[in-house]
Amino acid sequence: MANERLRRAMHRAGLDIASLADASEVSTKTVERWLSGKVPYPRTRYRVAAVLQEDESYLWPEAVNGSSLAGAEMVATYPRRSDVPRHLWMELLRNSERDIDLLAFAGLFLTEEHPDWLPTLAEKARAGARVRILLGDPTGTQLAARDREYRIGGGVSGRVGSVLNHYGRLAPDTVQIRLHDTPLYNSIYRFDDEMIVNVHAYGVLAAFTPVLHLRRTDGSYFSTYVESYERVWASARPADDALESR
């Protein structure tokens, strides 16, 4: 069966068979076989996904469901977000080249605790990385519900306002910011093929709930959270109005 997802991704990237073959270090015949339905080896899949700036799970969904390798994706777990080594956040950001995705209600700790977070994010965006930031919509119902859950009298909305002030300094043509009004089961922080997932628990602040450090292999953990992120991104609204009011 022809791989139409791969064909469309090539079209969006402005690449023909010859140029994708050159960028992927394979022959044109190999690319033609991919378009006809042949699935590349894992290392080649990662390279092609990087060239096309797409997720491997989108281009070859049938190839990333190997349950036997799912456990290999789990790099580390932490009982609380505050137990994540402080240097890890900046290390993952500095090593990113393609995709930097954030999903939280606020995630203010990143800008408050890491002075180099914003300039490094801007640098990555200028270098060509796709940077997408999803924050809670201050006008939505979910942020208000989370505030009632925490019983902190508007504190969650205030934190979103503060973090918007920080991210509002970034160039809008390089960093995409949207506001979501979805139930937040997890905060997701993606850095190319690595990801930090902050699991939420009712009534407990995110700083004190478990964290997963994932690295994409051929398992399904990583792909599940990528799919979740994309669903939220598709339903969110641009943050232009909120940023202009700051």
C-alpha atoms as a PDB file:
ATOM      1  CA  MET A   1       0.000   0.000   0.000  1.00  0.00           C
ATOM      2  CA  ALA A   2       1.400   3.416  -0.975  1.00  0.00           C
ATOM      3  CA  ASN A   3       2.606   5.633   1.862  1.00  0.00           C
ATOM      4  CA  GLU A   4       0.582   8.805   1.245  1.00  0.00           C
ATOM      5  CA  ARG A   5       1.658  10.305   4.571  1.00  0.00           C
ATOM      6  CA  LEU A   6       5.266  10.193   3.466  1.00  0.00           C
ATOM      7  CA  ARG A   7       4.378  11.663   0.075  1.00  0.00           C
ATOM      8  CA  ARG A   8       2.445  14.547   1.681  1.00  0.00           C
ATOM      9  CA  ALA A   9       5.263  15.200   4.157  1.00  0.00           C
ATOM     10  CA  MET A  10       7.742  15.413   1.284  1.00  0.00           C
ATOM     11  CA  HIS A  11       5.468  17.860  -0.509  1.00  0.00           C
ATOM     12  CA  ARG A  12       5.134  20.071   2.586  1.00  0.00           C
ATOM     13  CA  ALA A  13       8.911  20.043   3.021  1.00  0.00           C
ATOM     14  CA  GLY A  14       9.468  20.922  -0.636  1.00  0.00           C
ATOM     15  CA  LEU A  15      11.450  17.749  -1.316  1.00  0.00           C
ATOM     16  CA  ASP A  16      11.258  15.433  -4.302  1.00  0.00           C
ATOM     17  CA  ILE A  17      12.509  11.852  -4.419  1.00  0.00           C
ATOM     18  CA  ALA A  18      16.048  12.813  -5.356  1.00  0.00           C
ATOM     19  CA  SER A  19      16.450  15.488  -2.682  1.00  0.00           C
ATOM     20  CA  LEU A  20      15.022  13.265   0.079  1.00  0.00           C
ATOM     21  CA  ALA A  21      17.340  10.454  -1.025  1.00  0.00           C
ATOM     22  CA  ASP A  22      20.313  12.791  -0.839  1.00  0.00           C
ATOM     23  CA  ALA A  23      19.350  14.149   2.599  1.00  0.00           C
ATOM     24  CA  SER A  24      18.690  10.633   3.920  1.00  0.00           C
ATOM     25  CA  GLU A  25      21.887   9.187   2.421  1.00  0.00           C
ATOM     26  CA  VAL A  26      20.068   6.518   0.400  1.00  0.00           C
ATOM     27  CA  SER A  27      19.352   5.867  -3.269  1.00  0.00           C
ATOM     28  CA  THR A  28      16.338   7.208  -5.165  1.00  0.00           C
ATOM     29  CA  LYS A  29      15.192   3.607  -5.628  1.00  0.00           C
ATOM     30  CA  THR A  30      15.081   3.250  -1.838  1.00  0.00           C
ATOM     31  CA  VAL A  31      12.851   6.310  -1.489  1.00  0.00           C
ATOM     32  CA  GLU A  32      10.584   4.972  -4.230  1.00  0.00           C
ATOM     33  CA  ARG A  33      10.247   1.724  -2.258  1.00  0.00           C
ATOM     34  CA  TRP A  34       9.309   3.722   0.852  1.00  0.00           C
ATOM     35  CA  LEU A  35       6.609   5.512  -1.112  1.00  0.00           C
ATOM     36  CA  SER A  36       5.360   2.136  -2.313  1.00  0.00           C
ATOM     37  CA  GLY A  37       4.956   0.985   1.284  1.00  0.00           C
ATOM     38  CA  LYS A  38       8.293  -0.471   2.373  1.00  0.00           C
ATOM     39  CA  VAL A  39       9.242   0.506   5.933  1.00  0.00           C
ATOM     40  CA  PRO A  40      12.855   1.664   6.510  1.00  0.00           C
ATOM     41  CA  TYR A  41      15.070   0.349   9.284  1.00  0.00           C
ATOM     42  CA  PRO A  42      14.723   2.224  12.629  1.00  0.00           C
ATOM     43  CA  ARG A  43      17.861   4.352  12.288  1.00  0.00           C
ATOM     44  CA  THR A  44      16.839   5.417   8.789  1.00  0.00           C
ATOM     45  CA  ARG A  45      13.288   6.185   9.944  1.00  0.00           C
ATOM     46  CA  TYR A  46      14.637   8.583  12.563  1.00  0.00           C
ATOM     47  CA  ARG A  47      16.829  10.295   9.958  1.00  0.00           C
ATOM     48  CA  VAL A  48      13.976  10.711   7.471  1.00  0.00           C
ATOM     49  CA  ALA A  49      11.617  11.990  10.177  1.00  0.00           C
ATOM     50  CA  ALA A  50      14.244  14.568  11.149  1.00  0.00           C
ATOM     51  CA  VAL A  51      14.681  15.699   7.539  1.00  0.00           C
ATOM     52  CA  LEU A  52      10.910  16.057   7.058  1.00  0.00           C
ATOM     53  CA  GLN A  53      10.331  17.490  10.561  1.00  0.00           C
ATOM     54  CA  GLU A  54       7.591  14.949  11.147  1.00  0.00           C
ATOM     55  CA  ASP A  55       7.059  12.305  13.792  1.00  0.00           C
ATOM     56  CA  GLU A  56       8.099   8.807  12.879  1.00  0.00           C
ATOM     57  CA  SER A  57       4.840   7.560  14.383  1.00  0.00           C
ATOM     58  CA  TYR A  58       2.965   9.651  11.799  1.00  0.00           C
ATOM     59  CA  LEU A  59       5.021   8.533   8.799  1.00  0.00           C
ATOM     60  CA  TRP A  60       5.124   4.815   9.731  1.00  0.00           C
ATOM     61  CA  PRO A  61       2.510   4.152  12.453  1.00  0.00           C
ATOM     62  CA  GLU A  62       2.685   0.398  11.901  1.00  0.00           C
ATOM     63  CA  ALA A  63       6.389   0.384  12.761  1.00  0.00           C
ATOM     64  CA  VAL A  64       6.239   1.940  16.229  1.00  0.00           C
ATOM     65  CA  ASN A  65       3.870  -0.407  18.019  1.00  0.00           C
ATOM     66  CA  GLY A  66       6.402  -3.014  19.081  1.00  0.00           C
ATOM     67  CA  SER A  67       5.390  -3.724  22.681  1.00  0.00           C
ATOM     68  CA  SER A  68       8.573  -5.689  23.292  1.00  0.00           C
ATOM     69  CA  LEU A  69      10.591  -2.492  23.019  1.00  0.00           C
ATOM     70  CA  ALA A  70       8.203  -0.241  24.911  1.00  0.00           C
ATOM     71  CA  GLY A  71      10.054  -0.618  28.200  1.00  0.00           C
ATOM     72  CA  ALA A  72      13.273   0.559  26.596  1.00  0.00           C
ATOM     73  CA  GLU A  73      11.738   4.015  26.226  1.00  0.00           C
ATOM     74  CA  MET A  74      11.723   4.581  29.985  1.00  0.00           C
ATOM     75  CA  VAL A  75      14.988   6.343  30.812  1.00  0.00           C
ATOM     76  CA  ALA A  76      14.112   7.276  34.395  1.00  0.00           C
ATOM     77  CA  THR A  77      11.235   7.950  36.761  1.00  0.00           C
ATOM     78  CA  TYR A  78      11.034  10.414  39.619  1.00  0.00           C
ATOM     79  CA  PRO A  79       8.477  10.488  42.457  1.00  0.00           C
ATOM     80  CA  ARG A  80       8.148  14.285  42.171  1.00  0.00           C
ATOM     81  CA  ARG A  81       8.955  16.884  39.551  1.00  0.00           C
ATOM     82  CA  SER A  82      11.179  18.594  42.083  1.00  0.00           C
ATOM     83  CA  ASP A  83      13.328  15.425  42.104  1.00  0.00           C
ATOM     84  CA  VAL A  84      14.235  15.780  38.405  1.00  0.00           C
ATOM     85  CA  PRO A  85      17.924  16.804  38.227  1.00  0.00           C
ATOM     86  CA  ARG A  86      17.935  20.552  37.715  1.00  0.00           C
ATOM     87  CA  HIS A  87      20.526  20.379  34.923  1.00  0.00           C
ATOM     88  CA  LEU A  88      18.439  17.924  32.886  1.00  0.00           C
ATOM     89  CA  TRP A  89      15.953  20.532  31.642  1.00  0.00           C
ATOM     90  CA  MET A  90      18.628  22.747  30.091  1.00  0.00           C
ATOM     91  CA  GLU A  91      20.633  19.772  28.863  1.00  0.00           C
ATOM     92  CA  LEU A  92      17.651  18.445  26.918  1.00  0.00           C
ATOM     93  CA  LEU A  93      16.865  21.888  25.517  1.00  0.00           C
ATOM     94  CA  ARG A  94      20.454  22.544  24.403  1.00  0.00           C
ATOM     95  CA  ASN A  95      20.611  19.167  22.649  1.00  0.00           C
ATOM     96  CA  SER A  96      17.370  19.766  20.703  1.00  0.00           C
ATOM     97  CA  GLU A  97      17.503  20.578  17.005  1.00  0.00           C
ATOM     98  CA  ARG A  98      14.072  19.789  15.507  1.00  0.00           C
ATOM     99  CA  ASP A  99      11.095  19.749  17.870  1.00  0.00           C
ATOM    100  CA  ILE A 100      10.579  21.553  21.173  1.00  0.00           C
ATOM    101  CA  ASP A 101       7.008  21.167  22.451  1.00  0.00           C
ATOM    102  CA  LEU A 102       5.646  22.287  25.819  1.00  0.00           C
ATOM    103  CA  LEU A 103       2.196  21.558  27.233  1.00  0.00           C
ATOM    104  CA  ALA A 104       1.257  22.784  30.689  1.00  0.00           C
ATOM    105  CA  PHE A 105      -1.149  25.138  32.382  1.00  0.00           C
ATOM    106  CA  ALA A 106       1.778  27.440  33.213  1.00  0.00           C
ATOM    107  CA  GLY A 107       5.140  25.665  33.624  1.00  0.00           C
ATOM    108  CA  LEU A 108       6.441  28.819  35.245  1.00  0.00           C
ATOM    109  CA  PHE A 109       9.280  26.947  36.952  1.00  0.00           C
ATOM    110  CA  LEU A 110      11.172  26.723  33.665  1.00  0.00           C
ATOM    111  CA  THR A 111      11.446  30.484  33.217  1.00  0.00           C
ATOM    112  CA  GLU A 112      11.855  31.235  36.930  1.00  0.00           C
ATOM    113  CA  GLU A 113      14.463  28.619  37.821  1.00  0.00           C
ATOM    114  CA  HIS A 114      16.521  28.559  34.603  1.00  0.00           C
ATOM    115  CA  PRO A 115      17.888  31.979  33.561  1.00  0.00           C
ATOM    116  CA  ASP A 116      19.099  30.567  30.224  1.00  0.00           C
ATOM    117  CA  TRP A 117      15.751  28.998  29.310  1.00  0.00           C
ATOM    118  CA  LEU A 118      14.322  31.875  27.236  1.00  0.00           C
ATOM    119  CA  PRO A 119      17.513  32.879  25.376  1.00  0.00           C
ATOM    120  CA  THR A 120      18.282  29.249  24.568  1.00  0.00           C
ATOM    121  CA  LEU A 121      14.716  28.695  23.345  1.00  0.00           C
ATOM    122  CA  ALA A 122      14.996  31.747  21.109  1.00  0.00           C
ATOM    123  CA  GLU A 123      18.370  30.552  19.808  1.00  0.00           C
ATOM    124  CA  LYS A 124      16.956  27.134  18.947  1.00  0.00           C
ATOM    125  CA  ALA A 125      14.030  28.707  17.107  1.00  0.00           C
ATOM    126  CA  ARG A 126      16.346  30.945  15.073  1.00  0.00           C
ATOM    127  CA  ALA A 127      18.426  27.880  14.176  1.00  0.00           C
ATOM    128  CA  GLY A 128      15.358  26.231  12.638  1.00  0.00           C
ATOM    129  CA  ALA A 129      13.827  24.147  15.431  1.00  0.00           C
ATOM    130  CA  ARG A 130      10.040  24.083  15.592  1.00  0.00           C
ATOM    131  CA  VAL A 131       9.104  25.559  18.969  1.00  0.00           C
ATOM    132  CA  ARG A 132       5.492  25.198  20.146  1.00  0.00           C
ATOM    133  CA  ILE A 133       4.185  26.271  23.544  1.00  0.00           C
ATOM    134  CA  LEU A 134       0.751  25.341  24.898  1.00  0.00           C
ATOM    135  CA  LEU A 135      -0.454  27.155  28.021  1.00  0.00           C
ATOM    136  CA  GLY A 136      -3.770  27.183  29.857  1.00  0.00           C
ATOM    137  CA  ASP A 137      -6.392  29.603  28.561  1.00  0.00           C
ATOM    138  CA  PRO A 138      -7.080  32.166  31.339  1.00  0.00           C
ATOM    139  CA  THR A 139     -10.611  32.646  29.933  1.00  0.00           C
ATOM    140  CA  GLY A 140     -11.387  28.922  29.788  1.00  0.00           C
ATOM    141  CA  THR A 141     -13.194  26.580  32.149  1.00  0.00           C
ATOM    142  CA  GLN A 142     -10.354  24.137  32.769  1.00  0.00           C
ATOM    143  CA  LEU A 143      -8.002  26.673  34.331  1.00  0.00           C
ATOM    144  CA  ALA A 144     -10.743  27.803  36.698  1.00  0.00           C
ATOM    145  CA  ALA A 145     -11.494  24.187  37.602  1.00  0.00           C
ATOM    146  CA  ARG A 146      -7.830  23.484  38.363  1.00  0.00           C
ATOM    147  CA  ASP A 147      -7.707  26.602  40.515  1.00  0.00           C
ATOM    148  CA  ARG A 148     -10.702  25.382  42.552  1.00  0.00           C
ATOM    149  CA  GLU A 149      -9.067  21.979  42.850  1.00  0.00           C
ATOM    150  CA  TYR A 150      -5.921  23.497  44.314  1.00  0.00           C
ATOM    151  CA  ARG A 151      -7.897  25.998  46.433  1.00  0.00           C
ATOM    152  CA  ILE A 152      -5.453  28.795  45.757  1.00  0.00           C
ATOM    153  CA  GLY A 153      -7.879  31.576  44.803  1.00  0.00           C
ATOM    154  CA  GLY A 154      -6.877  32.472  41.251  1.00  0.00           C
ATOM    155  CA  GLY A 155      -3.246  31.499  41.605  1.00  0.00           C
ATOM    156  CA  VAL A 156      -3.170  29.247  38.533  1.00  0.00           C
ATOM    157  CA  SER A 157      -4.456  32.003  36.254  1.00  0.00           C
ATOM    158  CA  GLY A 158      -1.924  34.389  37.769  1.00  0.00           C
ATOM    159  CA  ARG A 159       0.907  31.988  36.985  1.00  0.00           C
ATOM    160  CA  VAL A 160      -0.243  31.739  33.378  1.00  0.00           C
ATOM    161  CA  GLY A 161      -0.193  35.539  33.155  1.00  0.00           C
ATOM    162  CA  SER A 162       3.341  35.600  34.513  1.00  0.00           C
ATOM    163  CA  VAL A 163       4.626  32.979  32.095  1.00  0.00           C
ATOM    164  CA  LEU A 164       2.952  34.774  29.170  1.00  0.00           C
ATOM    165  CA  ASN A 165       4.968  37.841  30.127  1.00  0.00           C
ATOM    166  CA  HIS A 166       8.119  35.747  29.807  1.00  0.00           C
ATOM    167  CA  TYR A 167       7.271  34.022  26.518  1.00  0.00           C
ATOM    168  CA  GLY A 168       5.881  37.235  25.076  1.00  0.00           C
ATOM    169  CA  ARG A 169       9.484  38.433  24.725  1.00  0.00           C
ATOM    170  CA  LEU A 170      10.164  35.773  22.100  1.00  0.00           C
ATOM    171  CA  ALA A 171       9.745  36.618  18.427  1.00  0.00           C
ATOM    172  CA  PRO A 172       6.256  35.541  17.277  1.00  0.00           C
ATOM    173  CA  ASP A 173       7.573  34.544  13.864  1.00  0.00           C
ATOM    174  CA  THR A 174       9.869  31.901  15.374  1.00  0.00           C
ATOM    175  CA  VAL A 175       7.961  30.609  18.433  1.00  0.00           C
ATOM    176  CA  GLN A 176       4.328  29.484  18.260  1.00  0.00           C
ATOM    177  CA  ILE A 177       2.221  29.983  21.394  1.00  0.00           C
ATOM    178  CA  ARG A 178      -1.348  28.739  21.821  1.00  0.00           C
ATOM    179  CA  LEU A 179      -3.805  28.656  24.718  1.00  0.00           C
ATOM    180  CA  HIS A 180      -5.727  25.466  25.468  1.00  0.00           C
ATOM    181  CA  ASP A 181      -8.879  24.739  27.421  1.00  0.00           C
ATOM    182  CA  THR A 182      -8.515  20.975  27.794  1.00  0.00           C
ATOM    183  CA  PRO A 183      -8.311  18.755  30.900  1.00  0.00           C
ATOM    184  CA  LEU A 184      -4.628  18.466  31.703  1.00  0.00           C
ATOM    185  CA  TYR A 185      -3.868  14.868  32.640  1.00  0.00           C
ATOM    186  CA  ASN A 186      -0.141  15.348  32.068  1.00  0.00           C
ATOM    187  CA  SER A 187       2.264  18.177  31.376  1.00  0.00           C
ATOM    188  CA  ILE A 188       4.413  17.281  28.367  1.00  0.00           C
ATOM    189  CA  TYR A 189       7.870  18.650  27.595  1.00  0.00           C
ATOM    190  CA  ARG A 190       9.317  17.285  24.363  1.00  0.00           C
ATOM    191  CA  PHE A 191      12.883  17.744  23.129  1.00  0.00           C
ATOM    192  CA  ASP A 192      13.319  15.956  19.775  1.00  0.00           C
ATOM    193  CA  ASP A 193      13.356  12.247  20.694  1.00  0.00           C
ATOM    194  CA  GLU A 194      13.329  12.781  24.455  1.00  0.00           C
ATOM    195  CA  MET A 195      10.419  13.785  26.633  1.00  0.00           C
ATOM    196  CA  ILE A 196       9.582  14.682  30.207  1.00  0.00           C
ATOM    197  CA  VAL A 197       6.030  13.776  31.233  1.00  0.00           C
ATOM    198  CA  ASN A 198       4.764  15.225  34.512  1.00  0.00           C
ATOM    199  CA  VAL A 199       1.877  12.982  35.584  1.00  0.00           C
ATOM    200  CA  HIS A 200      -0.894  14.849  37.428  1.00  0.00           C
ATOM    201  CA  ALA A 201      -2.864  13.708  40.471  1.00  0.00           C
ATOM    202  CA  TYR A 202      -6.057  15.297  41.735  1.00  0.00           C
ATOM    203  CA  GLY A 203      -5.503  17.942  44.388  1.00  0.00           C
ATOM    204  CA  VAL A 204      -1.697  17.694  44.289  1.00  0.00           C
ATOM    205  CA  LEU A 205       0.480  20.422  42.797  1.00  0.00           C
ATOM    206  CA  ALA A 206       2.450  19.310  39.723  1.00  0.00           C
ATOM    207  CA  ALA A 207       5.775  19.927  41.482  1.00  0.00           C
ATOM    208  CA  PHE A 208       4.925  17.051  43.823  1.00  0.00           C
ATOM    209  CA  THR A 209       3.634  14.455  41.331  1.00  0.00           C
ATOM    210  CA  PRO A 210       5.569  11.737  39.428  1.00  0.00           C
ATOM    211  CA  VAL A 211       7.647  12.338  36.321  1.00  0.00           C
ATOM    212  CA  LEU A 212       8.651  10.047  33.451  1.00  0.00           C
ATOM    213  CA  HIS A 213      11.760  10.626  31.339  1.00  0.00           C
ATOM    214  CA  LEU A 214      11.185   8.959  27.961  1.00  0.00           C
ATOM    215  CA  ARG A 215      13.454   8.409  24.976  1.00  0.00           C
ATOM    216  CA  ARG A 216      11.848   7.321  21.711  1.00  0.00           C
ATOM    217  CA  THR A 217      12.765   3.861  20.420  1.00  0.00           C
ATOM    218  CA  ASP A 218      10.241   1.556  18.754  1.00  0.00           C
ATOM    219  CA  GLY A 219       7.897   1.432  21.726  1.00  0.00           C
ATOM    220  CA  SER A 220       4.576   3.180  22.193  1.00  0.00           C
ATOM    221  CA  TYR A 221       4.981   5.402  25.272  1.00  0.00           C
ATOM    222  CA  PHE A 222       6.532   8.290  23.362  1.00  0.00           C
ATOM    223  CA  SER A 223       4.049   8.087  20.493  1.00  0.00           C
ATOM    224  CA  THR A 224       1.087   8.137  22.874  1.00  0.00           C
ATOM    225  CA  TYR A 225       2.142  11.461  24.348  1.00  0.00           C
ATOM    226  CA  VAL A 226       3.004  12.896  20.927  1.00  0.00           C
ATOM    227  CA  GLU A 227      -0.520  12.071  19.792  1.00  0.00           C
ATOM    228  CA  SER A 228      -1.964  13.662  22.923  1.00  0.00           C
ATOM    229  CA  TYR A 229       0.053  16.815  22.346  1.00  0.00           C
ATOM    230  CA  GLU A 230      -1.059  17.083  18.734  1.00  0.00           C
ATOM    231  CA  ARG A 231      -4.725  16.760  19.730  1.00  0.00           C
ATOM    232  CA  VAL A 232      -4.415  19.582  22.242  1.00  0.00           C
ATOM    233  CA  TRP A 233      -2.475  21.733  19.774  1.00  0.00           C
ATOM    234  CA  ALA A 234      -5.180  21.293  17.132  1.00  0.00           C
ATOM    235  CA  SER A 235      -7.911  22.411  19.552  1.00  0.00           C
ATOM    236  CA  ALA A 236      -6.041  25.410  21.022  1.00  0.00           C
ATOM    237  CA  ARG A 237      -6.302  29.044  19.978  1.00  0.00           C
ATOM    238  CA  PRO A 238      -3.438  31.431  19.108  1.00  0.00           C
ATOM    239  CA  ALA A 239      -2.240  33.473  22.085  1.00  0.00           C
ATOM    240  CA  ASP A 240      -1.970  36.710  20.075  1.00  0.00           C
ATOM    241  CA  ASP A 241      -4.695  38.596  21.986  1.00  0.00           C
ATOM    242  CA  ALA A 242      -3.368  37.548  25.382  1.00  0.00           C
ATOM    243  CA  LEU A 243       0.171  38.565  24.427  1.00  0.00           C
ATOM    244  CA  GLU A 244      -0.887  41.944  23.015  1.00  0.00           C
ATOM    245  CA  SER A 245      -2.630  42.799  26.288  1.00  0.00           C
ATOM    246  CA  ARG A 246       0.575  42.296  28.283  1.00  0.00           C
END
